[in-house]
Amino acid sequence: MEHATTGWKRYALVQPPMMMLIFAQAMSNLIVYRTCIITLSINKTECLLLHKNSSSIEALKLDTLVQPKASLILMSKSLVESVIPALLSLFLGPWSDIYGRKPIMVSGYIGTSLTYLILSLISIWDINPWFILIAYVPYACLGGFCIILLGTICYVTDISDEQERGWQLAYMQVLISVGILIGILAGPVIFQAHGYTVVFVIATICCILSGMYICFIVPDTIYNTNAMTVKSLFDVHLVKKLISTCTKKRDGFNRYVVWCSISIIILLTIALQGDITVEFLFTSARLGWDVNRYSIYVATNIILSILGIILAVKFLVPCGEFSEELQL
């Protein structure tokens, strides 16, 4: 397949918007704070300890009261964010093979932009934290990060060959890590200076700019002159084709390799989500870390992972004569 964009320009297509999106998502969490001041009716000064001095005895006692209530809302948020987009990806993945990658990526960015816009409005008033889940309805219905990631990886696959695909994916992972790094460092600073509303407004602007970049600057890799309809979006035959591709017999043990890879991704995701949930609570309770010290730890971890990715793909792969796809 021939592509109009070649050379270094391929590194300035779908990866930078992804970094900006991750930066927006990494900045803040309103649910715990709202649970503290609304659900438990604790004054704002005490609740701010969860951000400013989370290692203090008062903050730790407060955290034991807030976390059980906030966990229910966070679990509901995770279900909304993951279940519907996962189901949509079964249809939209094969659909994008026919109608293009840009529509599903733009859909995801629109949904994310609407979510942060609603959060910007919600953060102005002190309302029940359960209403925050309303903001994630457009995120879920339009695919959210799941669809954006799906479209981005498919796009990278389209514009690269086997020799450089590994480096393209590694480059994307590096930018994602940079986005997380900037977000977790900038989020608390912006919050302490201006509050949650400004944090979410900045996140909204980042998502809108990312979506516009994809819509108006990034060329699609697949062109189809047929009209897109709602019926084409939910074509069951596309899902059957997807399942058939994963389950069909392949040469040697290749089918088992596919399913082993899927199983590994599932297990890694479970471990990662569990780590995200309890890591800060553990370091705060056992090591006495506050948010700033924990942010430094996460930032160091991210920097080391970036260096590891670059080292593995650019130096260890050629020396070991492994394929880049295998390393990733």
Protein backbone atom coordinates (compact mmCIF):
# COMPACT_ATOMS: atom_id res chain seq x y z
CA MET A 1 0.00 0.00 0.00
CA GLU A 2 1.39 3.41 -0.97
CA HIS A 3 1.22 6.30 1.48
CA ALA A 4 1.51 10.01 0.75
CA THR A 5 3.40 10.62 3.99
CA THR A 6 6.95 9.26 4.17
CA GLY A 7 10.17 9.75 6.11
CA TRP A 8 10.26 11.69 9.38
CA LYS A 9 6.71 13.01 8.88
CA ARG A 10 5.35 9.59 9.87
CA TYR A 11 6.59 10.30 13.41
CA ALA A 12 4.43 13.46 13.58
CA LEU A 13 1.08 11.90 12.68
CA VAL A 14 -0.93 9.93 15.26
CA GLN A 15 1.67 9.69 18.05
CA PRO A 16 1.86 13.36 19.23
CA PRO A 17 -1.95 13.64 19.67
CA MET A 18 -1.83 10.44 21.71
CA MET A 19 0.82 12.00 23.98
CA MET A 20 -1.36 15.10 24.48
CA LEU A 21 -4.37 12.91 25.32
CA ILE A 22 -2.39 10.92 27.89
CA PHE A 23 -1.13 14.17 29.41
CA ALA A 24 -4.75 15.29 29.85
CA GLN A 25 -5.80 11.99 31.43
CA ALA A 26 -2.86 11.89 33.84
CA MET A 27 -3.48 15.25 35.47
CA SER A 28 -6.14 14.73 38.11
CA ASN A 29 -8.84 12.77 39.91
CA LEU A 30 -11.88 14.66 41.19
CA ILE A 31 -13.80 11.71 42.63
CA VAL A 32 -11.82 11.20 45.85
CA TYR A 33 -11.93 14.91 46.73
CA ARG A 34 -15.68 15.21 46.05
CA THR A 35 -16.39 12.06 48.04
CA CYS A 36 -14.61 13.64 50.97
CA ILE A 37 -16.45 16.97 50.99
CA ILE A 38 -19.89 15.89 49.72
CA THR A 39 -20.54 12.26 50.64
CA LEU A 40 -18.80 12.41 54.03
CA SER A 41 -19.56 16.11 54.66
CA ILE A 42 -16.01 16.91 55.75
CA ASN A 43 -14.81 20.50 55.42
CA LYS A 44 -12.66 21.47 52.45
CA THR A 45 -9.58 22.33 54.52
CA GLU A 46 -9.35 18.78 55.85
CA CYS A 47 -10.08 17.21 52.46
CA LEU A 48 -7.28 19.20 50.87
CA LEU A 49 -4.87 17.27 53.09
CA LEU A 50 -5.40 14.32 50.72
CA HIS A 51 -3.56 16.38 48.08
CA LYS A 52 -1.18 18.58 50.05
CA ASN A 53 -0.04 16.41 52.97
CA SER A 54 -1.29 12.88 52.35
CA SER A 55 1.38 11.32 54.59
CA SER A 56 0.19 13.10 57.74
CA ILE A 57 -1.66 11.18 60.44
CA GLU A 58 -4.81 13.24 59.84
CA ALA A 59 -4.74 12.53 56.10
CA LEU A 60 -4.22 8.79 56.63
CA LYS A 61 -7.19 8.64 59.01
CA LEU A 62 -9.25 10.60 56.53
CA ASP A 63 -8.19 8.32 53.71
CA THR A 64 -9.53 5.26 55.51
CA LEU A 65 -12.95 6.92 55.56
CA VAL A 66 -12.88 8.22 51.97
CA GLN A 67 -11.44 5.26 50.06
CA PRO A 68 -14.30 2.73 50.66
CA LYS A 69 -16.86 5.24 49.38
CA ALA A 70 -14.69 6.49 46.51
CA SER A 71 -13.79 2.94 45.45
CA LEU A 72 -17.43 2.19 44.60
CA ILE A 73 -17.59 5.24 42.32
CA LEU A 74 -14.18 4.49 40.79
CA MET A 75 -15.24 0.90 40.09
CA SER A 76 -18.44 2.12 38.41
CA LYS A 77 -16.39 4.60 36.39
CA SER A 78 -14.03 1.82 35.28
CA LEU A 79 -16.97 -0.31 34.16
CA VAL A 80 -18.44 2.55 32.13
CA GLU A 81 -15.04 3.37 30.61
CA SER A 82 -14.11 -0.20 29.70
CA VAL A 83 -17.12 -2.43 29.02
CA ILE A 84 -18.90 -0.41 26.32
CA PRO A 85 -15.68 0.64 24.47
CA ALA A 86 -14.47 -2.98 24.56
CA LEU A 87 -17.71 -4.14 22.92
CA LEU A 88 -17.50 -1.33 20.37
CA SER A 89 -13.93 -2.28 19.49
CA LEU A 90 -15.14 -5.71 18.34
CA PHE A 91 -17.15 -3.95 15.63
CA LEU A 92 -15.04 -0.85 14.94
CA GLY A 93 -11.72 -2.67 14.55
CA PRO A 94 -12.79 -4.72 11.50
CA TRP A 95 -14.92 -1.77 10.33
CA SER A 96 -11.84 0.47 10.18
CA ASP A 97 -10.13 -2.05 7.89
CA ILE A 98 -12.78 -1.14 5.31
CA TYR A 99 -13.71 2.48 5.98
CA GLY A 100 -10.51 3.93 7.41
CA ARG A 101 -8.73 4.65 10.68
CA LYS A 102 -9.49 8.36 11.04
CA PRO A 103 -13.25 8.09 11.76
CA ILE A 104 -12.78 5.89 14.83
CA MET A 105 -9.88 7.98 16.15
CA VAL A 106 -11.83 11.21 15.71
CA SER A 107 -14.82 9.60 17.44
CA GLY A 108 -12.66 8.70 20.44
CA TYR A 109 -11.18 12.19 20.68
CA ILE A 110 -14.63 13.79 20.46
CA GLY A 111 -15.93 11.58 23.25
CA THR A 112 -12.94 12.34 25.46
CA SER A 113 -13.23 16.09 24.76
CA LEU A 114 -16.92 16.05 25.75
CA THR A 115 -16.08 14.18 28.95
CA TYR A 116 -13.52 16.75 30.07
CA LEU A 117 -15.82 19.59 29.04
CA ILE A 118 -18.57 18.17 31.28
CA LEU A 119 -16.04 17.63 34.09
CA SER A 120 -14.98 21.28 33.72
CA LEU A 121 -18.59 22.34 34.33
CA ILE A 122 -19.21 19.83 37.12
CA SER A 123 -16.09 20.95 38.97
CA ILE A 124 -17.51 24.46 39.34
CA TRP A 125 -20.22 23.29 41.75
CA ASP A 126 -19.99 21.03 44.78
CA ILE A 127 -22.33 18.24 43.66
CA ASN A 128 -22.56 14.57 44.55
CA PRO A 129 -19.58 12.65 43.12
CA TRP A 130 -21.91 10.04 41.59
CA PHE A 131 -22.95 12.70 39.05
CA ILE A 132 -19.37 12.68 37.77
CA LEU A 133 -20.20 9.37 36.06
CA ILE A 134 -22.50 11.31 33.69
CA ALA A 135 -19.39 12.90 32.18
CA TYR A 136 -18.11 9.48 31.11
CA VAL A 137 -21.22 8.55 29.10
CA PRO A 138 -20.03 10.26 25.86
CA TYR A 139 -16.55 8.84 26.50
CA ALA A 140 -17.97 5.31 26.59
CA CYS A 141 -20.50 5.68 23.78
CA LEU A 142 -17.93 7.14 21.36
CA GLY A 143 -15.24 4.59 22.15
CA GLY A 144 -12.93 6.49 24.46
CA PHE A 145 -9.26 5.64 24.84
CA CYS A 146 -9.85 2.01 23.80
CA ILE A 147 -10.92 3.07 20.30
CA ILE A 148 -8.24 5.75 20.04
CA LEU A 149 -5.53 3.24 20.90
CA LEU A 150 -7.00 0.69 18.48
CA GLY A 151 -7.09 3.20 15.62
CA THR A 152 -3.62 4.53 16.43
CA ILE A 153 -1.96 1.09 16.46
CA CYS A 154 -3.73 0.12 13.23
CA TYR A 155 -2.61 3.40 11.65
CA VAL A 156 1.02 2.83 12.69
CA THR A 157 0.80 -0.68 11.23
CA ASP A 158 -0.50 0.75 7.95
CA ILE A 159 2.28 3.31 7.50
CA SER A 160 5.21 1.07 8.49
CA ASP A 161 6.79 -2.10 7.18
CA GLU A 162 8.09 -5.06 9.17
CA GLN A 163 11.59 -3.60 9.43
CA GLU A 164 10.56 -0.38 11.17
CA ARG A 165 7.20 -1.26 12.76
CA GLY A 166 8.82 -2.16 16.06
CA TRP A 167 10.52 1.21 16.31
CA GLN A 168 7.31 3.03 15.36
CA LEU A 169 5.43 1.30 18.18
CA ALA A 170 8.32 1.91 20.59
CA TYR A 171 8.28 5.60 19.63
CA MET A 172 4.56 5.72 20.40
CA GLN A 173 5.16 4.07 23.78
CA VAL A 174 7.87 6.62 24.55
CA LEU A 175 5.53 9.52 23.78
CA ILE A 176 2.79 7.95 25.91
CA SER A 177 5.26 7.71 28.80
CA VAL A 178 6.30 11.33 28.28
CA GLY A 179 2.62 12.37 28.36
CA ILE A 180 2.10 10.51 31.65
CA LEU A 181 5.28 12.05 33.07
CA ILE A 182 4.27 15.62 32.22
CA GLY A 183 0.70 15.03 33.39
CA ILE A 184 1.51 13.66 36.84
CA LEU A 185 4.05 16.43 37.44
CA ALA A 186 1.96 19.31 36.07
CA GLY A 187 -1.44 18.22 37.43
CA PRO A 188 -0.81 18.83 41.15
CA VAL A 189 0.92 22.15 40.42
CA ILE A 190 -1.99 23.43 38.32
CA PHE A 191 -4.52 22.16 40.87
CA GLN A 192 -2.85 23.88 43.81
CA ALA A 193 -2.53 27.14 41.88
CA HIS A 194 -5.93 27.30 40.17
CA GLY A 195 -8.16 24.39 41.25
CA TYR A 196 -9.87 21.51 39.48
CA THR A 197 -11.78 23.64 36.96
CA VAL A 198 -8.62 24.96 35.31
CA VAL A 199 -7.14 21.43 35.31
CA PHE A 200 -10.13 20.08 33.38
CA VAL A 201 -10.28 23.08 31.05
CA ILE A 202 -6.65 22.47 30.08
CA ALA A 203 -7.44 18.77 29.60
CA THR A 204 -10.42 19.70 27.39
CA ILE A 205 -8.29 21.99 25.24
CA CYS A 206 -5.62 19.29 24.84
CA CYS A 207 -8.21 16.72 23.72
CA ILE A 208 -9.90 19.13 21.30
CA LEU A 209 -6.55 20.10 19.73
CA SER A 210 -5.62 16.42 19.43
CA GLY A 211 -8.91 15.61 17.69
CA MET A 212 -8.55 18.55 15.31
CA TYR A 213 -4.99 17.49 14.50
CA ILE A 214 -6.20 14.01 13.57
CA CYS A 215 -9.19 15.33 11.62
CA PHE A 216 -7.51 18.02 9.55
CA ILE A 217 -3.80 17.17 9.35
CA VAL A 218 -3.40 13.39 9.51
CA PRO A 219 -4.18 11.66 6.16
CA ASP A 220 -6.11 8.41 6.26
CA THR A 221 -4.50 5.20 5.05
CA ILE A 222 -7.68 3.55 3.77
CA TYR A 223 -10.14 5.17 1.39
CA ASN A 224 -13.63 3.87 0.72
CA THR A 225 -16.09 5.69 -1.51
CA ASN A 226 -19.08 3.81 -0.11
CA ALA A 227 -21.34 5.74 2.24
CA MET A 228 -20.90 4.95 5.94
CA THR A 229 -24.13 3.92 7.66
CA VAL A 230 -25.11 2.90 11.18
CA LYS A 231 -25.80 -0.58 9.86
CA SER A 232 -22.24 -0.86 8.55
CA LEU A 233 -20.90 0.04 12.00
CA PHE A 234 -22.61 -2.91 13.66
CA ASP A 235 -22.13 -5.59 11.03
CA VAL A 236 -22.08 -8.94 12.83
CA HIS A 237 -20.19 -10.51 9.92
CA LEU A 238 -17.20 -8.30 10.73
CA VAL A 239 -17.12 -9.65 14.29
CA LYS A 240 -17.36 -13.22 13.00
CA LYS A 241 -14.43 -12.51 10.69
CA LEU A 242 -12.42 -11.11 13.62
CA ILE A 243 -13.08 -14.20 15.76
CA SER A 244 -12.27 -16.46 12.82
CA THR A 245 -8.94 -14.71 12.33
CA CYS A 246 -7.99 -15.34 15.96
CA THR A 247 -9.11 -18.97 16.04
CA LYS A 248 -8.22 -20.31 12.60
CA LYS A 249 -5.47 -22.89 12.22
CA ARG A 250 -2.03 -21.54 11.41
CA ASP A 251 1.35 -23.02 10.52
CA GLY A 252 3.13 -24.73 13.38
CA PHE A 253 2.26 -23.28 16.79
CA ASN A 254 1.33 -19.82 15.50
CA ARG A 255 -2.28 -20.07 16.67
CA TYR A 256 -1.07 -20.90 20.19
CA VAL A 257 1.34 -17.96 20.01
CA VAL A 258 -1.59 -15.63 19.22
CA TRP A 259 -3.62 -16.88 22.18
CA CYS A 260 -0.62 -16.83 24.49
CA SER A 261 -0.06 -13.20 23.52
CA ILE A 262 -3.71 -12.35 24.23
CA SER A 263 -3.55 -14.12 27.61
CA ILE A 264 -0.34 -12.27 28.54
CA ILE A 265 -1.92 -8.91 27.68
CA ILE A 266 -4.96 -9.73 29.85
CA LEU A 267 -2.81 -10.76 32.81
CA LEU A 268 -0.56 -7.71 32.46
CA THR A 269 -3.60 -5.42 32.33
CA ILE A 270 -5.03 -6.96 35.50
CA ALA A 271 -1.69 -6.57 37.28
CA LEU A 272 -1.25 -3.00 36.03
CA GLN A 273 -4.74 -1.90 37.11
CA GLY A 274 -4.25 -3.48 40.52
CA ASP A 275 -0.90 -1.77 40.89
CA ILE A 276 -2.37 1.62 39.99
CA THR A 277 -5.17 1.15 42.52
CA VAL A 278 -3.09 0.28 45.60
CA GLU A 279 0.42 1.54 44.88
CA PHE A 280 0.01 5.07 46.25
CA LEU A 281 -2.02 3.84 49.24
CA PHE A 282 0.72 1.33 50.05
CA THR A 283 3.60 3.80 49.75
CA SER A 284 1.66 6.37 51.77
CA ALA A 285 0.80 3.96 54.59
CA ARG A 286 4.07 2.01 54.78
CA LEU A 287 6.67 4.54 53.63
CA GLY A 288 4.97 7.79 54.63
CA TRP A 289 5.20 9.25 51.13
CA ASP A 290 3.13 12.29 50.17
CA VAL A 291 1.85 13.07 46.67
CA ASN A 292 5.00 14.99 45.67
CA ARG A 293 7.38 12.20 46.70
CA TYR A 294 5.19 9.58 45.02
CA SER A 295 5.13 11.69 41.84
CA ILE A 296 8.94 11.79 41.84
CA TYR A 297 9.00 7.99 42.17
CA VAL A 298 6.53 7.53 39.28
CA ALA A 299 8.45 10.05 37.15
CA THR A 300 11.72 8.18 37.77
CA ASN A 301 10.03 4.90 36.91
CA ILE A 302 8.73 6.35 33.64
CA ILE A 303 12.10 7.81 32.66
CA LEU A 304 13.78 4.45 33.24
CA SER A 305 11.11 2.69 31.16
CA ILE A 306 11.67 5.17 28.31
CA LEU A 307 15.40 4.53 28.38
CA GLY A 308 14.75 0.78 28.52
CA ILE A 309 12.51 0.87 25.45
CA ILE A 310 15.04 2.85 23.42
CA LEU A 311 17.91 0.64 24.56
CA ALA A 312 16.04 -2.57 23.76
CA VAL A 313 14.83 -1.56 20.31
CA LYS A 314 17.88 0.32 19.07
CA PHE A 315 20.74 -1.66 20.62
CA LEU A 316 19.72 -5.01 22.09
CA VAL A 317 17.54 -6.08 19.16
CA PRO A 318 20.31 -5.68 16.52
CA CYS A 319 22.88 -7.32 18.80
CA GLY A 320 20.64 -10.28 19.63
CA GLU A 321 19.27 -10.50 16.07
CA PHE A 322 15.69 -10.61 17.38
CA SER A 323 12.79 -9.08 15.51
CA GLU A 324 11.54 -5.75 16.90
CA GLU A 325 7.98 -7.09 16.99
CA LEU A 326 9.06 -9.94 19.29
CA GLN A 327 10.74 -7.53 21.70
CA LEU A 328 7.65 -5.32 21.91
